[in-house]
N, C-alpha and C. Protein backbone atom coordinates (compact mmCIF):
# COMPACT_ATOMS: atom_id res chain seq x y z
N MET A 1 -54.30 44.53 48.17
CA MET A 1 -53.92 43.29 48.81
C MET A 1 -52.43 43.08 48.64
N ALA A 2 -51.82 42.66 49.70
CA ALA A 2 -50.41 42.30 49.63
C ALA A 2 -50.29 40.90 49.04
N SER A 3 -49.13 40.59 48.56
CA SER A 3 -48.86 39.26 48.06
C SER A 3 -47.99 38.54 49.08
N TYR A 4 -48.34 37.31 49.37
CA TYR A 4 -47.65 36.52 50.40
C TYR A 4 -47.11 35.22 49.80
N PRO A 5 -46.22 35.31 48.81
CA PRO A 5 -45.80 34.09 48.10
C PRO A 5 -45.03 33.08 48.96
N ARG A 6 -44.39 33.51 50.03
CA ARG A 6 -43.57 32.58 50.81
C ARG A 6 -44.28 32.01 52.04
N VAL A 7 -45.47 32.48 52.35
CA VAL A 7 -46.13 32.06 53.59
C VAL A 7 -46.37 30.55 53.61
N ALA A 8 -46.90 29.99 52.54
CA ALA A 8 -47.20 28.55 52.53
C ALA A 8 -45.92 27.74 52.74
N ARG A 9 -44.86 28.14 52.10
CA ARG A 9 -43.59 27.41 52.25
C ARG A 9 -43.05 27.56 53.68
N LEU A 10 -43.13 28.75 54.25
CA LEU A 10 -42.67 28.95 55.62
C LEU A 10 -43.52 28.19 56.63
N LEU A 11 -44.80 28.03 56.33
CA LEU A 11 -45.71 27.33 57.23
C LEU A 11 -45.59 25.81 57.11
N ALA A 12 -45.09 25.32 55.98
CA ALA A 12 -44.95 23.87 55.77
C ALA A 12 -44.04 23.28 56.85
N GLY A 13 -44.46 22.21 57.43
CA GLY A 13 -43.65 21.53 58.42
C GLY A 13 -43.75 22.12 59.82
N VAL A 14 -44.54 23.19 59.98
CA VAL A 14 -44.72 23.77 61.31
C VAL A 14 -45.68 22.87 62.08
N SER A 15 -45.30 22.51 63.28
CA SER A 15 -46.15 21.68 64.12
C SER A 15 -46.62 22.50 65.32
N ALA A 16 -47.57 21.96 66.04
CA ALA A 16 -48.04 22.64 67.24
C ALA A 16 -46.89 22.82 68.23
N ALA A 17 -45.95 21.88 68.25
CA ALA A 17 -44.84 21.94 69.20
C ALA A 17 -43.86 23.07 68.89
N ASN A 18 -43.66 23.40 67.60
CA ASN A 18 -42.67 24.43 67.26
C ASN A 18 -43.30 25.69 66.67
N ALA A 19 -44.61 25.77 66.64
CA ALA A 19 -45.31 26.85 65.95
C ALA A 19 -44.92 28.23 66.48
N GLU A 20 -44.97 28.43 67.78
CA GLU A 20 -44.69 29.77 68.31
C GLU A 20 -43.29 30.23 67.93
N SER A 21 -42.33 29.34 68.02
CA SER A 21 -40.95 29.69 67.67
C SER A 21 -40.83 30.04 66.18
N VAL A 22 -41.43 29.22 65.33
CA VAL A 22 -41.36 29.47 63.88
C VAL A 22 -42.11 30.74 63.52
N PHE A 23 -43.27 30.95 64.14
CA PHE A 23 -44.01 32.19 63.89
C PHE A 23 -43.13 33.39 64.21
N ARG A 24 -42.53 33.41 65.37
CA ARG A 24 -41.77 34.58 65.83
C ARG A 24 -40.45 34.78 65.08
N ARG A 25 -39.75 33.69 64.75
CA ARG A 25 -38.42 33.80 64.14
C ARG A 25 -38.46 33.94 62.62
N ARG A 26 -39.43 33.30 61.96
CA ARG A 26 -39.42 33.29 60.49
C ARG A 26 -40.63 33.95 59.85
N ILE A 27 -41.81 33.59 60.29
CA ILE A 27 -43.02 34.04 59.59
C ILE A 27 -43.34 35.50 59.88
N VAL A 28 -43.33 35.92 61.14
CA VAL A 28 -43.65 37.32 61.45
C VAL A 28 -42.66 38.28 60.79
N PRO A 29 -41.33 38.04 60.86
CA PRO A 29 -40.43 38.96 60.15
C PRO A 29 -40.72 39.07 58.66
N TYR A 30 -41.07 37.95 58.03
CA TYR A 30 -41.43 37.98 56.61
C TYR A 30 -42.69 38.82 56.40
N LEU A 31 -43.73 38.61 57.22
CA LEU A 31 -44.96 39.38 57.08
C LEU A 31 -44.70 40.87 57.27
N VAL A 32 -43.93 41.23 58.28
CA VAL A 32 -43.62 42.64 58.54
C VAL A 32 -42.94 43.26 57.32
N ASP A 33 -42.00 42.56 56.70
CA ASP A 33 -41.36 43.06 55.49
C ASP A 33 -42.37 43.29 54.37
N VAL A 34 -43.28 42.34 54.16
CA VAL A 34 -44.31 42.48 53.13
C VAL A 34 -45.17 43.71 53.42
N TRP A 35 -45.60 43.86 54.66
CA TRP A 35 -46.48 44.98 55.02
C TRP A 35 -45.77 46.31 54.87
N LEU A 36 -44.53 46.39 55.32
CA LEU A 36 -43.80 47.66 55.22
C LEU A 36 -43.53 48.03 53.76
N ASP A 37 -43.19 47.04 52.93
CA ASP A 37 -42.99 47.31 51.50
C ASP A 37 -44.28 47.83 50.86
N GLY A 38 -45.41 47.20 51.18
CA GLY A 38 -46.69 47.65 50.63
C GLY A 38 -47.07 49.03 51.12
N TYR A 39 -46.88 49.29 52.38
CA TYR A 39 -47.24 50.58 52.95
C TYR A 39 -46.36 51.70 52.37
N ALA A 40 -45.08 51.42 52.17
CA ALA A 40 -44.14 52.43 51.65
C ALA A 40 -44.57 52.93 50.27
N ARG A 41 -45.32 52.12 49.52
CA ARG A 41 -45.77 52.54 48.20
C ARG A 41 -46.92 53.55 48.26
N THR A 42 -47.49 53.77 49.46
CA THR A 42 -48.65 54.66 49.57
C THR A 42 -48.36 55.96 50.30
N VAL A 43 -47.16 56.11 50.85
CA VAL A 43 -46.85 57.33 51.61
C VAL A 43 -45.52 57.92 51.17
N ARG A 44 -45.40 59.23 51.33
CA ARG A 44 -44.12 59.88 51.03
C ARG A 44 -43.19 59.82 52.22
N THR A 45 -43.73 60.11 53.39
CA THR A 45 -42.93 60.05 54.61
C THR A 45 -43.70 59.28 55.66
N SER A 46 -42.97 58.62 56.52
CA SER A 46 -43.61 57.88 57.59
C SER A 46 -42.67 57.82 58.80
N GLN A 47 -43.25 57.53 59.91
CA GLN A 47 -42.50 57.30 61.13
C GLN A 47 -43.13 56.08 61.78
N ILE A 48 -42.62 54.92 61.41
CA ILE A 48 -43.25 53.66 61.80
C ILE A 48 -42.61 53.12 63.06
N VAL A 49 -43.47 52.71 63.98
CA VAL A 49 -43.03 52.08 65.21
C VAL A 49 -43.72 50.73 65.34
N GLU A 50 -43.06 49.83 66.03
CA GLU A 50 -43.67 48.56 66.41
C GLU A 50 -43.84 48.58 67.92
N THR A 51 -45.02 48.22 68.36
CA THR A 51 -45.29 48.20 69.79
C THR A 51 -46.09 46.94 70.12
N THR A 52 -46.06 46.57 71.36
CA THR A 52 -46.80 45.40 71.82
C THR A 52 -47.64 45.80 73.03
N THR A 53 -48.89 45.37 73.01
CA THR A 53 -49.77 45.57 74.15
C THR A 53 -50.76 44.42 74.21
N SER A 54 -51.10 44.00 75.40
CA SER A 54 -52.05 42.91 75.61
C SER A 54 -51.65 41.64 74.87
N GLY A 55 -50.35 41.44 74.66
CA GLY A 55 -49.87 40.23 74.00
C GLY A 55 -49.92 40.27 72.48
N PHE A 56 -50.29 41.39 71.91
CA PHE A 56 -50.34 41.53 70.45
C PHE A 56 -49.41 42.64 70.00
N SER A 57 -48.91 42.51 68.78
CA SER A 57 -47.97 43.49 68.23
C SER A 57 -48.65 44.32 67.16
N TYR A 58 -48.17 45.56 67.02
CA TYR A 58 -48.77 46.52 66.10
C TYR A 58 -47.69 47.30 65.38
N LEU A 59 -47.90 47.53 64.08
CA LEU A 59 -47.11 48.49 63.33
C LEU A 59 -47.99 49.72 63.17
N PHE A 60 -47.46 50.87 63.57
CA PHE A 60 -48.23 52.10 63.55
C PHE A 60 -47.39 53.21 62.95
N ASP A 61 -48.00 53.99 62.06
CA ASP A 61 -47.32 55.14 61.47
C ASP A 61 -47.70 56.37 62.26
N ILE A 62 -46.76 56.85 63.08
CA ILE A 62 -47.01 58.02 63.91
C ILE A 62 -47.23 59.26 63.06
N ALA A 63 -46.49 59.38 61.94
CA ALA A 63 -46.59 60.57 61.09
C ALA A 63 -48.01 60.78 60.55
N SER A 64 -48.69 59.70 60.20
CA SER A 64 -50.05 59.85 59.67
C SER A 64 -51.12 59.32 60.61
N GLY A 65 -50.72 58.83 61.78
CA GLY A 65 -51.69 58.35 62.76
C GLY A 65 -52.49 57.16 62.29
N ARG A 66 -51.82 56.21 61.64
CA ARG A 66 -52.53 55.07 61.07
C ARG A 66 -51.98 53.74 61.57
N LEU A 67 -52.88 52.82 61.83
CA LEU A 67 -52.48 51.45 62.11
C LEU A 67 -52.17 50.77 60.78
N ILE A 68 -51.04 50.11 60.71
CA ILE A 68 -50.65 49.40 59.49
C ILE A 68 -50.99 47.92 59.61
N ALA A 69 -50.58 47.31 60.72
CA ALA A 69 -50.81 45.87 60.87
C ALA A 69 -50.88 45.52 62.36
N ALA A 70 -51.53 44.41 62.64
CA ALA A 70 -51.61 43.88 64.00
C ALA A 70 -51.54 42.36 63.90
N TRP A 71 -50.88 41.74 64.89
CA TRP A 71 -50.75 40.29 64.85
C TRP A 71 -50.47 39.73 66.24
N GLY A 72 -50.74 38.44 66.36
CA GLY A 72 -50.44 37.75 67.61
C GLY A 72 -50.87 36.31 67.55
N ILE A 73 -50.42 35.57 68.54
CA ILE A 73 -50.72 34.15 68.63
C ILE A 73 -51.94 33.97 69.53
N SER A 74 -52.91 33.23 69.03
CA SER A 74 -54.15 33.01 69.77
C SER A 74 -53.88 32.22 71.05
N ALA A 75 -54.48 32.72 72.12
CA ALA A 75 -54.48 31.99 73.39
C ALA A 75 -55.90 31.47 73.67
N GLY A 76 -56.74 31.46 72.65
CA GLY A 76 -58.13 31.04 72.81
C GLY A 76 -58.99 32.20 73.25
N ARG A 77 -60.18 31.87 73.72
CA ARG A 77 -61.17 32.90 74.07
C ARG A 77 -60.73 33.74 75.25
N PHE A 78 -60.81 35.06 75.05
CA PHE A 78 -60.55 36.04 76.10
C PHE A 78 -61.87 36.33 76.78
N SER A 79 -61.90 36.29 78.10
CA SER A 79 -63.16 36.46 78.81
C SER A 79 -63.29 37.81 79.51
N GLY A 80 -62.32 38.70 79.31
CA GLY A 80 -62.39 40.02 79.95
C GLY A 80 -63.49 40.89 79.38
N ALA A 81 -63.90 41.86 80.18
CA ALA A 81 -64.97 42.78 79.76
C ALA A 81 -64.44 43.76 78.72
N ARG A 82 -65.31 44.15 77.81
CA ARG A 82 -64.99 45.16 76.80
C ARG A 82 -65.03 46.54 77.46
N ASP A 83 -64.04 47.36 77.19
CA ASP A 83 -63.98 48.71 77.77
C ASP A 83 -64.81 49.65 76.89
N LYS A 84 -66.11 49.67 77.14
CA LYS A 84 -67.04 50.43 76.30
C LYS A 84 -66.78 51.93 76.36
N SER A 85 -66.34 52.44 77.50
CA SER A 85 -66.09 53.88 77.58
C SER A 85 -64.90 54.29 76.73
N ARG A 86 -63.86 53.44 76.65
CA ARG A 86 -62.70 53.74 75.80
C ARG A 86 -63.11 53.69 74.33
N MET A 87 -63.92 52.69 73.97
CA MET A 87 -64.36 52.60 72.57
C MET A 87 -65.22 53.80 72.20
N ALA A 88 -66.10 54.21 73.08
CA ALA A 88 -66.98 55.35 72.79
C ALA A 88 -66.20 56.62 72.60
N GLY A 89 -65.04 56.73 73.25
CA GLY A 89 -64.21 57.92 73.12
C GLY A 89 -63.34 57.93 71.89
N HIS A 90 -63.27 56.81 71.18
CA HIS A 90 -62.45 56.72 69.96
C HIS A 90 -63.18 57.42 68.82
N PRO A 91 -62.48 58.23 68.04
CA PRO A 91 -63.15 58.96 66.95
C PRO A 91 -63.88 58.04 65.99
N LEU A 92 -65.03 58.48 65.55
CA LEU A 92 -65.81 57.76 64.56
C LEU A 92 -66.17 58.75 63.47
N SER A 93 -65.20 59.04 62.61
CA SER A 93 -65.38 60.10 61.64
C SER A 93 -65.45 59.61 60.19
N ALA A 94 -65.48 58.30 60.00
CA ALA A 94 -65.48 57.78 58.64
C ALA A 94 -66.89 57.72 58.05
N GLY A 95 -67.90 58.03 58.84
CA GLY A 95 -69.26 58.06 58.32
C GLY A 95 -70.13 56.98 58.93
N PRO A 96 -71.42 57.05 58.65
CA PRO A 96 -72.38 56.15 59.31
C PRO A 96 -72.25 54.67 58.91
N LEU A 97 -71.58 54.39 57.82
CA LEU A 97 -71.43 52.99 57.40
C LEU A 97 -70.25 52.29 58.07
N TYR A 98 -69.53 53.01 58.92
CA TYR A 98 -68.30 52.48 59.51
C TYR A 98 -68.43 52.26 61.01
N HIS A 99 -67.72 51.24 61.48
CA HIS A 99 -67.63 50.91 62.90
C HIS A 99 -66.24 51.24 63.41
N ARG A 100 -66.10 51.18 64.71
CA ARG A 100 -64.77 51.17 65.34
C ARG A 100 -64.35 49.70 65.38
N GLY A 101 -63.83 49.20 64.29
CA GLY A 101 -63.48 47.79 64.17
C GLY A 101 -62.20 47.47 64.93
N HIS A 102 -62.13 46.27 65.47
CA HIS A 102 -60.93 45.79 66.15
C HIS A 102 -60.00 45.11 65.15
N ALA A 103 -58.74 45.53 65.12
CA ALA A 103 -57.75 44.84 64.29
C ALA A 103 -57.51 43.44 64.83
N ILE A 104 -57.40 43.33 66.15
CA ILE A 104 -57.37 42.05 66.85
C ILE A 104 -58.69 41.99 67.62
N PRO A 105 -59.50 40.96 67.38
CA PRO A 105 -60.83 40.95 68.00
C PRO A 105 -60.77 40.94 69.53
N HIS A 106 -61.76 41.55 70.13
CA HIS A 106 -61.86 41.55 71.59
C HIS A 106 -61.89 40.13 72.13
N THR A 107 -62.52 39.22 71.41
CA THR A 107 -62.62 37.83 71.87
C THR A 107 -61.27 37.12 71.92
N LEU A 108 -60.24 37.70 71.27
CA LEU A 108 -58.87 37.18 71.37
C LEU A 108 -58.07 37.95 72.42
N GLY A 109 -58.63 39.03 72.92
CA GLY A 109 -57.92 39.85 73.89
C GLY A 109 -57.46 41.18 73.33
N GLY A 110 -57.91 41.50 72.12
CA GLY A 110 -57.54 42.78 71.52
C GLY A 110 -58.06 43.96 72.33
N PRO A 111 -57.21 44.94 72.62
CA PRO A 111 -57.62 46.09 73.43
C PRO A 111 -58.35 47.13 72.58
N THR A 112 -58.42 48.35 73.07
CA THR A 112 -58.99 49.45 72.31
C THR A 112 -57.84 50.31 71.81
N ASP A 113 -58.05 51.60 71.69
CA ASP A 113 -57.03 52.57 71.29
C ASP A 113 -56.33 52.17 69.99
N ILE A 114 -55.07 51.79 70.03
CA ILE A 114 -54.29 51.49 68.82
C ILE A 114 -54.94 50.37 68.00
N ASN A 115 -55.76 49.56 68.61
CA ASN A 115 -56.37 48.39 67.98
C ASN A 115 -57.65 48.72 67.22
N LEU A 116 -58.13 49.95 67.28
CA LEU A 116 -59.39 50.31 66.62
C LEU A 116 -59.13 51.01 65.29
N VAL A 117 -59.89 50.59 64.28
CA VAL A 117 -59.72 51.10 62.91
C VAL A 117 -61.11 51.35 62.32
N ALA A 118 -61.24 52.39 61.51
CA ALA A 118 -62.50 52.63 60.81
C ALA A 118 -62.74 51.46 59.85
N GLN A 119 -63.78 50.71 60.11
CA GLN A 119 -64.06 49.51 59.32
C GLN A 119 -65.53 49.49 58.93
N ARG A 120 -65.77 49.19 57.66
CA ARG A 120 -67.16 49.10 57.20
C ARG A 120 -67.93 48.12 58.07
N GLY A 121 -69.08 48.55 58.54
CA GLY A 121 -69.90 47.70 59.40
C GLY A 121 -70.26 46.38 58.76
N ALA A 122 -70.57 46.41 57.46
CA ALA A 122 -70.95 45.18 56.76
C ALA A 122 -69.82 44.15 56.74
N VAL A 123 -68.58 44.62 56.79
CA VAL A 123 -67.43 43.71 56.85
C VAL A 123 -67.17 43.29 58.30
N ASN A 124 -67.20 44.27 59.19
CA ASN A 124 -66.89 44.03 60.59
C ASN A 124 -67.79 42.97 61.22
N ILE A 125 -69.09 43.04 60.96
CA ILE A 125 -70.00 42.06 61.55
C ILE A 125 -70.43 41.00 60.54
N GLY A 126 -69.72 40.92 59.43
CA GLY A 126 -70.00 39.93 58.40
C GLY A 126 -68.82 39.01 58.19
N PRO A 127 -68.20 39.07 57.00
CA PRO A 127 -67.16 38.11 56.65
C PRO A 127 -65.91 38.17 57.54
N PHE A 128 -65.67 39.29 58.20
CA PHE A 128 -64.49 39.41 59.06
C PHE A 128 -64.57 38.44 60.24
N ARG A 129 -65.77 38.15 60.68
CA ARG A 129 -65.97 37.30 61.86
C ARG A 129 -65.55 35.85 61.64
N VAL A 130 -65.54 35.39 60.41
CA VAL A 130 -65.22 33.98 60.13
C VAL A 130 -63.83 33.63 60.66
N LEU A 131 -62.81 34.39 60.24
CA LEU A 131 -61.45 34.09 60.71
C LEU A 131 -61.26 34.46 62.17
N GLU A 132 -61.95 35.50 62.63
CA GLU A 132 -61.85 35.84 64.05
C GLU A 132 -62.30 34.65 64.91
N ARG A 133 -63.41 34.05 64.56
CA ARG A 133 -63.93 32.91 65.33
C ARG A 133 -63.00 31.70 65.24
N ARG A 134 -62.45 31.48 64.05
CA ARG A 134 -61.50 30.35 63.91
C ARG A 134 -60.26 30.59 64.74
N ALA A 135 -59.78 31.84 64.80
CA ALA A 135 -58.59 32.16 65.61
C ALA A 135 -58.87 31.91 67.08
N VAL A 136 -60.03 32.31 67.55
CA VAL A 136 -60.41 32.08 68.95
C VAL A 136 -60.47 30.57 69.22
N ALA A 137 -61.00 29.81 68.28
CA ALA A 137 -61.16 28.36 68.45
C ALA A 137 -59.87 27.57 68.24
N THR A 138 -58.79 28.26 67.83
CA THR A 138 -57.54 27.56 67.50
C THR A 138 -56.37 28.18 68.24
N PRO A 139 -56.26 27.92 69.55
CA PRO A 139 -55.09 28.42 70.28
C PRO A 139 -53.80 27.94 69.63
N GLY A 140 -52.81 28.82 69.60
CA GLY A 140 -51.53 28.50 68.96
C GLY A 140 -51.44 28.94 67.51
N SER A 141 -52.57 29.40 66.94
CA SER A 141 -52.56 29.91 65.57
C SER A 141 -52.08 31.36 65.56
N LEU A 142 -51.59 31.82 64.41
CA LEU A 142 -51.16 33.21 64.25
C LEU A 142 -52.25 33.95 63.49
N TYR A 143 -52.80 34.97 64.11
CA TYR A 143 -53.85 35.79 63.50
C TYR A 143 -53.26 37.16 63.18
N PHE A 144 -53.61 37.72 62.01
CA PHE A 144 -53.12 39.06 61.67
C PHE A 144 -54.10 39.83 60.82
N THR A 145 -53.93 41.15 60.85
CA THR A 145 -54.63 42.05 59.92
C THR A 145 -53.61 43.05 59.39
N TYR A 146 -53.72 43.36 58.12
CA TYR A 146 -52.88 44.36 57.46
C TYR A 146 -53.81 45.34 56.77
N TRP A 147 -53.75 46.61 57.18
CA TRP A 147 -54.67 47.64 56.71
C TRP A 147 -54.04 48.43 55.57
N VAL A 148 -54.74 48.49 54.45
CA VAL A 148 -54.23 49.12 53.22
C VAL A 148 -54.92 50.47 53.04
N TYR A 149 -54.11 51.50 52.77
CA TYR A 149 -54.60 52.86 52.61
C TYR A 149 -54.31 53.35 51.19
N ALA A 150 -55.19 54.21 50.68
CA ALA A 150 -54.93 54.86 49.40
C ALA A 150 -53.82 55.88 49.60
N ARG A 151 -53.23 56.31 48.51
CA ARG A 151 -52.23 57.38 48.61
C ARG A 151 -52.88 58.60 49.25
N GLY A 152 -52.11 59.31 50.03
CA GLY A 152 -52.65 60.48 50.71
C GLY A 152 -52.69 60.26 52.21
N SER A 153 -53.54 61.02 52.87
CA SER A 153 -53.52 61.01 54.33
C SER A 153 -54.80 60.52 54.97
N SER A 154 -55.65 59.86 54.22
CA SER A 154 -56.91 59.39 54.78
C SER A 154 -56.67 58.43 55.94
N GLN A 155 -57.52 58.55 56.96
CA GLN A 155 -57.47 57.65 58.11
C GLN A 155 -58.29 56.39 57.86
N ARG A 156 -58.99 56.34 56.75
CA ARG A 156 -59.84 55.20 56.45
C ARG A 156 -59.14 54.24 55.50
N PRO A 157 -58.90 53.01 55.96
CA PRO A 157 -58.29 52.03 55.05
C PRO A 157 -59.23 51.72 53.89
N VAL A 158 -58.65 51.37 52.74
CA VAL A 158 -59.47 50.99 51.58
C VAL A 158 -59.70 49.48 51.54
N SER A 159 -58.84 48.72 52.23
CA SER A 159 -59.02 47.28 52.33
C SER A 159 -58.21 46.75 53.51
N VAL A 160 -58.45 45.52 53.81
CA VAL A 160 -57.70 44.85 54.89
C VAL A 160 -57.44 43.40 54.49
N ASP A 161 -56.20 42.98 54.69
CA ASP A 161 -55.85 41.57 54.57
C ASP A 161 -55.99 40.97 55.96
N GLN A 162 -56.72 39.90 56.05
CA GLN A 162 -56.94 39.22 57.32
C GLN A 162 -56.44 37.79 57.16
N GLY A 163 -55.57 37.37 58.06
CA GLY A 163 -54.97 36.05 57.90
C GLY A 163 -54.99 35.22 59.16
N LEU A 164 -55.02 33.91 58.94
CA LEU A 164 -54.93 32.96 60.03
C LEU A 164 -54.00 31.84 59.57
N LEU A 165 -52.94 31.66 60.34
CA LEU A 165 -51.95 30.62 60.03
C LEU A 165 -52.02 29.57 61.13
N ILE A 166 -52.36 28.35 60.74
CA ILE A 166 -52.53 27.24 61.67
C ILE A 166 -51.53 26.15 61.28
N PRO A 167 -50.76 25.63 62.26
CA PRO A 167 -49.82 24.56 61.94
C PRO A 167 -50.52 23.41 61.21
N ASN A 168 -49.82 22.86 60.22
CA ASN A 168 -50.29 21.72 59.42
C ASN A 168 -51.52 22.02 58.57
N GLN A 169 -51.78 23.30 58.30
CA GLN A 169 -52.88 23.67 57.41
C GLN A 169 -52.39 24.73 56.43
N ALA A 170 -53.08 24.83 55.32
CA ALA A 170 -52.76 25.87 54.34
C ALA A 170 -53.09 27.24 54.93
N PRO A 171 -52.32 28.26 54.57
CA PRO A 171 -52.62 29.61 55.06
C PRO A 171 -54.01 30.05 54.60
N ASP A 172 -54.71 30.76 55.44
CA ASP A 172 -56.03 31.31 55.09
C ASP A 172 -55.89 32.84 55.19
N ILE A 173 -55.71 33.48 54.03
CA ILE A 173 -55.54 34.92 53.98
C ILE A 173 -56.63 35.48 53.07
N ARG A 174 -57.41 36.39 53.61
CA ARG A 174 -58.55 36.95 52.88
C ARG A 174 -58.41 38.46 52.80
N THR A 175 -58.86 39.02 51.68
CA THR A 175 -58.86 40.48 51.52
C THR A 175 -60.30 40.96 51.52
N HIS A 176 -60.55 41.99 52.31
CA HIS A 176 -61.88 42.58 52.42
C HIS A 176 -61.80 44.04 51.98
N SER A 177 -62.69 44.46 51.09
CA SER A 177 -62.78 45.88 50.74
C SER A 177 -63.31 46.63 51.95
N ASN A 178 -62.86 47.86 52.05
CA ASN A 178 -63.30 48.66 53.18
C ASN A 178 -63.84 49.98 52.66
């Protein structure tokens, strides 16, 4: 689990009117720094890129083919169809207890491909859904996931930090074993 000591202070005083600006200018850069510092402790070499698709941003390590983090501002419920053929084509090599989990849920508009991570099924359809549903129900909130890997080259994260930042509320950041 990463430590987020400044998130509550950065979130204090954020209103619905200024949330998107504060998220983009202050909070996201802080989170990215925390995630990159944590990830750097687990790899010898990396080639990290930031990309945006479907309105969400992703940190991805090209050298090891791993998703590090995903984030974006909720626009409420996404009503588009799930691309089942793309999901079916995504590798599922972590074993029978794992799903092709979405870093950003489909119900928020999360796509496939870069957005899919080997995630324990018990987490994916269990406690992970709590914040996903709150993010969908709270347009204007900042939703994120940060995937933690053991040292080495495994494609399977060992845990994930899942967060939801809502103006005028305390940060809700949860860690799930994977």
